[in-house]
């Protein structure tokens, strides 16, 4: 009988049939295994949760191994793995597990929050800050995201404890713009300004962090600032210099370092830090231009070198960026008076006096804890004081709070 195909072609066809059959068998087996995994993954999660609740986090973690090998992006398994690792105080590994939860998973918000908490437990302050900023960018406060308020509070405390008042002010102000009239934000804006952290107390928070995770620039900078405030100039500069070496083009670090150097009459070194970088790709020069504190420090430097006219010019730039800053308004009066411009100096001193009275009254209100029991009259008084200081957003917020209170 005649063969339908030439022998060589027939062999190829038979080989293809065999390969196809094997592939089909593998596919069926894989599909069956995947179906089995899908059916049993719930049991695996439940078993691991039971082990964790019984105080056996290591056993719970091991029981998840096969599931995560087959489904490495399984959100529930990754969350449970992270919780097990946290129970074992393996916080870095826990943070890594939480970071693996897919962004499109319903559990990503919880994972994002848990990752930030894990970093905080491990005293990895900068990693925690980055994680919290990312979390709030994706899950802003005021909506359905229950974790965001807790993250907001943690980030507020972090800025406070690290002596970063300007960043704290900007953070709270940005939140207030999204939630005008929020009492908590208004309250903390005033308290952070008039009840700032105390250097001696802050060391009790900062030193253990530095011992557990040495070499974090933001922690070193805060330690240096505390040492400076406590009169230990040598230690202060060692810590600030270490932070500066780690982040040579970081705005806050440069400004704090320059301020300390100016206090020590190291004018050339301060000037070097306040100079715009030569690297055209650096954004630091633009940040300098937009920051009133840079202009203020340049003004102090010029005045220390005896150039009042240049100092005044720089101070005008600082005042343009932050018109109601008491120290700027007062220093402007001093410089104008030194230059013989008595009428303009008198106006500046009058403005400084009004600002000083406003700040004194606000400090009294904050330190007396009156805002913990707000009344309509008190809120309106605070609103008026904020208005006089040029804090229009806060003024509007306090008026809104007053409207919500019973007469």
Foldseek 3Di string as FASTA:
>chain_A
DDDPDPPVVVVVVVVVVVVVVVVVVVVVVVVVVVVVLVVCVVVLLVVLVVCVVVVNLVVSLVSCVVVCVVVVQPQSNLQSNLVSCVSVVVLVVSLVSLVSHDPPDPCNLVSLLSNLVSCVSLLVLVVSLVSLVVSCVVVPPDDPRPSNVVSLVVNLVSCQLLVNLVVSLVSLVVVCVVPFLDLVSLLVNLCCVLVGDQLVVSCVVLVVSCVSPNQDLSSLQSPLVSCVVVPNLVSSLVSLVSSCVVPVLDQVSLLSNLVSCVVVVVLVVSVVSLDDDPPPPDCSVVVLQLALSSLQSVLSSCVVVPNLVSSLVSLVSSCVNQVLDLVSLLVNLVSCVVVVVNVVSVVSVVLSVLLVVLSVVSSVCSVVVVSVVDALVNLQSNLVSCVSSVNNSSSSSSNSVSVVHDD
